[in-house]
Amino acid sequence: MRKFLAAALIALLPATALAQDSVFSSYEAYERFVDTVIKQRDFKQLITRLGGRDEYTPEQLQSAQQQLAAIYPHGFTGGSVAARKELMNGFKKEVRIYWNEDVLNYCYYYAFIHDRGDSIVVLKFDLNTNSDVVFGKL
């Protein structure tokens, strides 16, 4: 009976609560998540969802959010993939750039991802103000 109740409770949880860090159901789901949280400057959620949940304390995450929000005081109005390098066996690297049309403010995002066929896994990512840093990872 306890197993049945546990299974029933798990089934009632929202799907996002069961989402595994760094794993997305598709490239489109990954892209939608990254674009949304960066454009909204929700850097804490970006770090947490892409694997930082167990690497940073809540205080460190809040500090990172505050520092990045100070660097990028305005939401981003545009964003695009600037470069992508296809590797073998479903691995790829990409650089995305986000900007604000009204302010000369650019944010550079790098990701090393693996397309496993049934899911996309973000193996590594970087968010930086310096384009040389992220383009140097390609």
N, C-alpha and C. Protein backbone atom coordinates (compact mmCIF):
# COMPACT_ATOMS: atom_id res chain seq x y z
N MET A 1 0.81 -1.20 0.00
CA MET A 1 0.00 0.00 0.00
C MET A 1 0.86 1.26 0.00
N ARG A 2 1.96 1.27 0.76
CA ARG A 2 2.83 2.43 0.80
C ARG A 2 3.45 2.71 -0.57
N LYS A 3 3.82 1.65 -1.28
CA LYS A 3 4.40 1.83 -2.61
C LYS A 3 3.38 2.47 -3.55
N PHE A 4 2.12 2.06 -3.43
CA PHE A 4 1.07 2.64 -4.26
C PHE A 4 0.90 4.12 -3.96
N LEU A 5 0.89 4.49 -2.68
CA LEU A 5 0.74 5.89 -2.29
C LEU A 5 1.92 6.72 -2.76
N ALA A 6 3.13 6.19 -2.63
CA ALA A 6 4.33 6.91 -3.10
C ALA A 6 4.25 7.12 -4.61
N ALA A 7 3.86 6.09 -5.34
CA ALA A 7 3.74 6.21 -6.79
C ALA A 7 2.67 7.23 -7.16
N ALA A 8 1.58 7.25 -6.43
CA ALA A 8 0.50 8.19 -6.71
C ALA A 8 0.95 9.62 -6.44
N LEU A 9 1.70 9.83 -5.36
CA LEU A 9 2.20 11.17 -5.06
C LEU A 9 3.18 11.64 -6.12
N ILE A 10 4.05 10.77 -6.57
CA ILE A 10 5.01 11.12 -7.61
C ILE A 10 4.28 11.48 -8.89
N ALA A 11 3.25 10.75 -9.22
CA ALA A 11 2.48 11.03 -10.44
C ALA A 11 1.80 12.39 -10.38
N LEU A 12 1.50 12.87 -9.19
CA LEU A 12 0.84 14.17 -9.04
C LEU A 12 1.79 15.35 -9.10
N LEU A 13 3.10 15.11 -8.96
CA LEU A 13 4.06 16.20 -9.02
C LEU A 13 4.09 16.80 -10.42
N PRO A 14 4.36 18.11 -10.51
CA PRO A 14 4.48 18.73 -11.84
C PRO A 14 5.67 18.14 -12.58
N ALA A 15 5.58 18.10 -13.88
CA ALA A 15 6.64 17.53 -14.71
C ALA A 15 7.97 18.24 -14.50
N THR A 16 7.93 19.54 -14.25
CA THR A 16 9.18 20.28 -14.07
C THR A 16 9.90 19.87 -12.81
N ALA A 17 9.17 19.41 -11.81
CA ALA A 17 9.82 18.97 -10.58
C ALA A 17 10.63 17.70 -10.82
N LEU A 18 10.24 16.93 -11.82
CA LEU A 18 10.94 15.70 -12.13
C LEU A 18 12.00 15.90 -13.21
N ALA A 19 12.10 17.09 -13.76
CA ALA A 19 13.08 17.36 -14.81
C ALA A 19 14.48 17.18 -14.26
N GLN A 20 15.30 16.53 -15.03
CA GLN A 20 16.68 16.28 -14.62
C GLN A 20 17.54 17.46 -15.05
N ASP A 21 18.40 17.92 -14.14
CA ASP A 21 19.30 19.02 -14.47
C ASP A 21 20.06 18.72 -15.75
N SER A 22 20.19 19.72 -16.58
CA SER A 22 20.99 19.69 -17.81
C SER A 22 20.40 18.81 -18.91
N VAL A 23 19.25 18.20 -18.71
CA VAL A 23 18.65 17.32 -19.71
C VAL A 23 17.35 17.94 -20.20
N PHE A 24 17.20 17.97 -21.52
CA PHE A 24 16.00 18.53 -22.15
C PHE A 24 15.44 17.50 -23.12
N SER A 25 14.15 17.53 -23.32
CA SER A 25 13.49 16.55 -24.19
C SER A 25 13.84 16.72 -25.66
N SER A 26 14.23 17.94 -26.05
CA SER A 26 14.58 18.21 -27.44
C SER A 26 15.48 19.44 -27.52
N TYR A 27 16.07 19.65 -28.68
CA TYR A 27 16.89 20.85 -28.87
C TYR A 27 16.01 22.09 -28.76
N GLU A 28 14.79 22.01 -29.26
CA GLU A 28 13.87 23.14 -29.20
C GLU A 28 13.54 23.49 -27.75
N ALA A 29 13.35 22.48 -26.89
CA ALA A 29 13.07 22.73 -25.47
C ALA A 29 14.28 23.38 -24.80
N TYR A 30 15.46 22.91 -25.11
CA TYR A 30 16.70 23.50 -24.58
C TYR A 30 16.82 24.96 -25.03
N GLU A 31 16.64 25.18 -26.33
CA GLU A 31 16.77 26.52 -26.90
C GLU A 31 15.74 27.48 -26.29
N ARG A 32 14.52 27.03 -26.15
CA ARG A 32 13.44 27.85 -25.58
C ARG A 32 13.78 28.23 -24.13
N PHE A 33 14.28 27.27 -23.36
CA PHE A 33 14.65 27.54 -21.98
C PHE A 33 15.77 28.57 -21.92
N VAL A 34 16.86 28.35 -22.64
CA VAL A 34 18.01 29.26 -22.59
C VAL A 34 17.61 30.66 -23.05
N ASP A 35 16.92 30.75 -24.17
CA ASP A 35 16.50 32.06 -24.67
C ASP A 35 15.62 32.79 -23.65
N THR A 36 14.68 32.10 -23.06
CA THR A 36 13.75 32.73 -22.12
C THR A 36 14.46 33.23 -20.88
N VAL A 37 15.25 32.38 -20.23
CA VAL A 37 15.85 32.80 -18.96
C VAL A 37 16.93 33.87 -19.16
N ILE A 38 17.67 33.81 -20.26
CA ILE A 38 18.68 34.85 -20.48
C ILE A 38 18.00 36.17 -20.84
N LYS A 39 17.03 36.14 -21.71
CA LYS A 39 16.35 37.39 -22.08
C LYS A 39 15.67 38.03 -20.87
N GLN A 40 15.20 37.22 -19.95
CA GLN A 40 14.56 37.74 -18.75
C GLN A 40 15.57 38.01 -17.63
N ARG A 41 16.83 37.70 -17.87
CA ARG A 41 17.92 37.89 -16.91
C ARG A 41 17.71 37.06 -15.65
N ASP A 42 17.18 35.86 -15.82
CA ASP A 42 16.98 34.95 -14.69
C ASP A 42 18.20 34.02 -14.63
N PHE A 43 19.32 34.60 -14.26
CA PHE A 43 20.59 33.88 -14.29
C PHE A 43 20.66 32.78 -13.25
N LYS A 44 19.99 32.97 -12.14
CA LYS A 44 19.95 31.94 -11.09
C LYS A 44 19.30 30.67 -11.62
N GLN A 45 18.19 30.82 -12.33
CA GLN A 45 17.51 29.65 -12.90
C GLN A 45 18.38 29.00 -13.98
N LEU A 46 19.06 29.81 -14.78
CA LEU A 46 19.96 29.27 -15.81
C LEU A 46 21.03 28.40 -15.17
N ILE A 47 21.70 28.93 -14.17
CA ILE A 47 22.78 28.20 -13.50
C ILE A 47 22.24 26.94 -12.84
N THR A 48 21.13 27.06 -12.16
CA THR A 48 20.55 25.93 -11.44
C THR A 48 20.14 24.82 -12.40
N ARG A 49 19.41 25.16 -13.42
CA ARG A 49 18.87 24.15 -14.37
C ARG A 49 19.95 23.50 -15.20
N LEU A 50 21.04 24.24 -15.46
CA LEU A 50 22.10 23.68 -16.31
C LEU A 50 23.19 23.00 -15.49
N GLY A 51 22.87 22.64 -14.26
CA GLY A 51 23.78 21.79 -13.49
C GLY A 51 24.40 22.41 -12.27
N GLY A 52 24.13 23.67 -11.97
CA GLY A 52 24.77 24.32 -10.84
C GLY A 52 24.06 24.12 -9.51
N ARG A 53 22.94 23.41 -9.53
CA ARG A 53 22.13 23.22 -8.32
C ARG A 53 22.97 22.62 -7.18
N ASP A 54 23.81 21.66 -7.50
CA ASP A 54 24.59 20.99 -6.46
C ASP A 54 26.03 21.51 -6.37
N GLU A 55 26.35 22.54 -7.14
CA GLU A 55 27.70 23.09 -7.13
C GLU A 55 27.80 24.41 -6.39
N TYR A 56 26.67 25.06 -6.14
CA TYR A 56 26.66 26.36 -5.50
C TYR A 56 25.68 26.37 -4.35
N THR A 57 26.00 27.13 -3.32
CA THR A 57 25.06 27.31 -2.22
C THR A 57 23.98 28.29 -2.67
N PRO A 58 22.86 28.32 -1.98
CA PRO A 58 21.83 29.31 -2.31
C PRO A 58 22.37 30.75 -2.25
N GLU A 59 23.26 31.01 -1.32
CA GLU A 59 23.85 32.34 -1.20
C GLU A 59 24.73 32.67 -2.41
N GLN A 60 25.50 31.69 -2.88
CA GLN A 60 26.35 31.91 -4.06
C GLN A 60 25.49 32.14 -5.30
N LEU A 61 24.40 31.40 -5.43
CA LEU A 61 23.50 31.58 -6.56
C LEU A 61 22.87 32.97 -6.53
N GLN A 62 22.45 33.41 -5.36
CA GLN A 62 21.86 34.73 -5.23
C GLN A 62 22.88 35.81 -5.55
N SER A 63 24.11 35.62 -5.11
CA SER A 63 25.18 36.57 -5.39
C SER A 63 25.46 36.65 -6.89
N ALA A 64 25.50 35.49 -7.54
CA ALA A 64 25.72 35.46 -8.99
C ALA A 64 24.58 36.18 -9.72
N GLN A 65 23.34 35.96 -9.27
CA GLN A 65 22.18 36.62 -9.87
C GLN A 65 22.33 38.14 -9.74
N GLN A 66 22.70 38.61 -8.57
CA GLN A 66 22.82 40.05 -8.34
C GLN A 66 23.96 40.64 -9.17
N GLN A 67 25.09 39.96 -9.24
CA GLN A 67 26.23 40.46 -10.01
C GLN A 67 25.90 40.54 -11.49
N LEU A 68 25.29 39.48 -12.02
CA LEU A 68 24.95 39.46 -13.45
C LEU A 68 23.85 40.47 -13.77
N ALA A 69 22.89 40.62 -12.86
CA ALA A 69 21.82 41.62 -13.08
C ALA A 69 22.40 43.03 -13.08
N ALA A 70 23.44 43.26 -12.29
CA ALA A 70 24.09 44.57 -12.28
C ALA A 70 24.86 44.81 -13.58
N ILE A 71 25.48 43.76 -14.10
CA ILE A 71 26.23 43.87 -15.37
C ILE A 71 25.25 44.08 -16.52
N TYR A 72 24.13 43.38 -16.46
CA TYR A 72 23.10 43.47 -17.50
C TYR A 72 21.82 44.05 -16.88
N PRO A 73 21.76 45.37 -16.71
CA PRO A 73 20.62 45.97 -16.02
C PRO A 73 19.33 46.00 -16.85
N HIS A 74 19.42 45.72 -18.14
CA HIS A 74 18.24 45.75 -19.01
C HIS A 74 18.01 44.36 -19.60
N GLY A 75 16.74 44.01 -19.77
CA GLY A 75 16.41 42.75 -20.43
C GLY A 75 16.91 42.76 -21.86
N PHE A 76 17.08 41.59 -22.42
CA PHE A 76 17.57 41.48 -23.80
C PHE A 76 16.40 41.40 -24.76
N THR A 77 16.51 42.13 -25.86
CA THR A 77 15.44 42.15 -26.84
C THR A 77 15.73 41.24 -28.02
N GLY A 78 16.98 40.83 -28.17
CA GLY A 78 17.36 39.95 -29.27
C GLY A 78 18.32 38.88 -28.82
N GLY A 79 18.36 37.82 -29.59
CA GLY A 79 19.28 36.74 -29.29
C GLY A 79 19.37 35.81 -30.48
N SER A 80 20.54 35.22 -30.67
CA SER A 80 20.72 34.36 -31.82
C SER A 80 21.95 33.47 -31.64
N VAL A 81 21.94 32.34 -32.33
CA VAL A 81 23.13 31.50 -32.39
C VAL A 81 24.10 32.20 -33.33
N ALA A 82 25.31 32.46 -32.85
CA ALA A 82 26.32 33.14 -33.66
C ALA A 82 27.28 32.15 -34.30
N ALA A 83 27.50 31.02 -33.65
CA ALA A 83 28.41 30.01 -34.18
C ALA A 83 28.03 28.66 -33.61
N ARG A 84 28.21 27.65 -34.42
CA ARG A 84 27.95 26.28 -33.97
C ARG A 84 28.99 25.38 -34.61
N LYS A 85 29.56 24.52 -33.83
CA LYS A 85 30.54 23.57 -34.33
C LYS A 85 30.02 22.16 -34.08
N GLU A 86 29.72 21.47 -35.17
CA GLU A 86 29.24 20.09 -35.08
C GLU A 86 30.44 19.17 -34.90
N LEU A 87 30.37 18.33 -33.90
CA LEU A 87 31.42 17.35 -33.66
C LEU A 87 30.86 15.97 -34.04
N MET A 88 31.48 14.94 -33.64
CA MET A 88 31.02 13.60 -33.98
C MET A 88 30.09 13.04 -32.91
N ASN A 89 29.29 12.05 -33.28
CA ASN A 89 28.45 11.29 -32.36
C ASN A 89 27.46 12.14 -31.56
N GLY A 90 26.92 13.17 -32.18
CA GLY A 90 25.89 13.99 -31.54
C GLY A 90 26.39 15.11 -30.66
N PHE A 91 27.70 15.29 -30.57
CA PHE A 91 28.24 16.38 -29.76
C PHE A 91 28.34 17.65 -30.59
N LYS A 92 28.12 18.79 -29.95
CA LYS A 92 28.27 20.08 -30.63
C LYS A 92 28.59 21.15 -29.61
N LYS A 93 29.18 22.23 -30.12
CA LYS A 93 29.45 23.41 -29.32
C LYS A 93 28.73 24.57 -30.00
N GLU A 94 28.24 25.50 -29.20
CA GLU A 94 27.59 26.66 -29.79
C GLU A 94 27.80 27.90 -28.96
N VAL A 95 27.76 29.04 -29.66
CA VAL A 95 27.81 30.35 -29.02
C VAL A 95 26.54 31.09 -29.40
N ARG A 96 25.89 31.62 -28.39
CA ARG A 96 24.70 32.45 -28.58
C ARG A 96 25.03 33.85 -28.08
N ILE A 97 24.48 34.83 -28.73
CA ILE A 97 24.69 36.22 -28.32
C ILE A 97 23.32 36.85 -28.07
N TYR A 98 23.21 37.55 -26.96
CA TYR A 98 21.99 38.26 -26.59
C TYR A 98 22.30 39.74 -26.50
N TRP A 99 21.35 40.57 -26.90
CA TRP A 99 21.58 42.01 -26.91
C TRP A 99 20.28 42.76 -26.62
N ASN A 100 20.46 44.05 -26.38
CA ASN A 100 19.34 44.95 -26.18
C ASN A 100 19.40 45.99 -27.29
N GLU A 101 18.31 46.17 -27.99
CA GLU A 101 18.26 47.10 -29.13
C GLU A 101 18.53 48.56 -28.72
N ASP A 102 18.17 48.91 -27.49
CA ASP A 102 18.29 50.30 -27.04
C ASP A 102 19.61 50.62 -26.36
N VAL A 103 20.31 49.60 -25.91
CA VAL A 103 21.54 49.80 -25.13
C VAL A 103 22.63 48.91 -25.73
N LEU A 104 23.83 49.44 -25.85
CA LEU A 104 24.94 48.60 -26.32
C LEU A 104 25.38 47.68 -25.20
N ASN A 105 24.71 46.56 -25.10
CA ASN A 105 24.96 45.61 -24.03
C ASN A 105 24.80 44.20 -24.60
N TYR A 106 25.89 43.43 -24.63
CA TYR A 106 25.87 42.09 -25.21
C TYR A 106 26.24 41.06 -24.16
N CYS A 107 25.59 39.93 -24.24
CA CYS A 107 25.85 38.80 -23.36
C CYS A 107 26.21 37.61 -24.24
N TYR A 108 27.30 36.94 -23.90
CA TYR A 108 27.79 35.82 -24.71
C TYR A 108 27.62 34.53 -23.92
N TYR A 109 26.99 33.55 -24.57
CA TYR A 109 26.68 32.27 -23.95
C TYR A 109 27.32 31.16 -24.77
N TYR A 110 28.00 30.25 -24.10
CA TYR A 110 28.63 29.10 -24.74
C TYR A 110 28.04 27.82 -24.14
N ALA A 111 27.84 26.81 -24.98
CA ALA A 111 27.39 25.51 -24.48
C ALA A 111 28.05 24.38 -25.25
N PHE A 112 28.38 23.35 -24.52
CA PHE A 112 28.87 22.09 -25.08
C PHE A 112 27.74 21.10 -24.79
N ILE A 113 27.10 20.61 -25.85
CA ILE A 113 25.91 19.78 -25.68
C ILE A 113 26.05 18.44 -26.40
N HIS A 114 25.23 17.49 -25.96
CA HIS A 114 25.20 16.17 -26.57
C HIS A 114 23.76 15.83 -26.93
N ASP A 115 23.55 15.57 -28.21
CA ASP A 115 22.24 15.14 -28.70
C ASP A 115 22.24 13.62 -28.62
N ARG A 116 21.49 13.08 -27.68
CA ARG A 116 21.45 11.62 -27.47
C ARG A 116 20.34 10.96 -28.28
N GLY A 117 19.70 11.73 -29.14
CA GLY A 117 18.61 11.18 -29.94
C GLY A 117 17.27 11.37 -29.26
N ASP A 118 17.17 10.94 -28.02
CA ASP A 118 15.92 11.08 -27.27
C ASP A 118 15.96 12.25 -26.29
N SER A 119 17.11 12.91 -26.19
CA SER A 119 17.25 14.05 -25.28
C SER A 119 18.50 14.86 -25.64
N ILE A 120 18.54 16.07 -25.10
CA ILE A 120 19.70 16.96 -25.25
C ILE A 120 20.29 17.14 -23.86
N VAL A 121 21.59 16.96 -23.73
CA VAL A 121 22.25 17.12 -22.44
C VAL A 121 23.26 18.26 -22.55
N VAL A 122 23.16 19.23 -21.66
CA VAL A 122 24.14 20.31 -21.60
C VAL A 122 25.27 19.83 -20.70
N LEU A 123 26.43 19.61 -21.31
CA LEU A 123 27.58 19.10 -20.56
C LEU A 123 28.36 20.21 -19.87
N LYS A 124 28.37 21.38 -20.51
CA LYS A 124 29.12 22.52 -19.97
C LYS A 124 28.54 23.78 -20.58
N PHE A 125 28.56 24.87 -19.80
CA PHE A 125 28.11 26.15 -20.34
C PHE A 125 28.90 27.27 -19.68
N ASP A 126 28.88 28.42 -20.33
CA ASP A 126 29.55 29.61 -19.81
C ASP A 126 28.77 30.83 -20.25
N LEU A 127 28.65 31.78 -19.37
CA LEU A 127 28.01 33.06 -19.65
C LEU A 127 29.07 34.11 -19.38
N ASN A 128 29.30 35.00 -20.35
CA ASN A 128 30.43 35.91 -20.20
C ASN A 128 30.16 37.24 -20.88
N THR A 129 30.83 38.27 -20.41
CA THR A 129 30.77 39.59 -21.04
C THR A 129 31.82 39.73 -22.13
N ASN A 130 32.74 38.80 -22.19
CA ASN A 130 33.87 38.86 -23.11
C ASN A 130 33.68 37.85 -24.24
N SER A 131 33.52 38.33 -25.45
CA SER A 131 33.30 37.44 -26.59
C SER A 131 34.48 36.52 -26.84
N ASP A 132 35.70 37.01 -26.59
CA ASP A 132 36.90 36.18 -26.82
C ASP A 132 36.88 34.92 -25.99
N VAL A 133 36.35 35.02 -24.77
CA VAL A 133 36.31 33.86 -23.88
C VAL A 133 35.42 32.77 -24.47
N VAL A 134 34.20 33.13 -24.88
CA VAL A 134 33.28 32.10 -25.38
C VAL A 134 33.67 31.62 -26.77
N PHE A 135 34.09 32.52 -27.65
CA PHE A 135 34.50 32.06 -28.98
C PHE A 135 35.77 31.24 -28.91
N GLY A 136 36.59 31.45 -27.90
CA GLY A 136 37.80 30.66 -27.71
C GLY A 136 37.50 29.21 -27.34
N LYS A 137 36.28 28.92 -26.93
CA LYS A 137 35.90 27.56 -26.56
C LYS A 137 35.44 26.73 -27.74
N LEU A 138 35.22 27.41 -28.87
CA LEU A 138 34.79 26.66 -30.06
C LEU A 138 35.98 25.91 -30.60
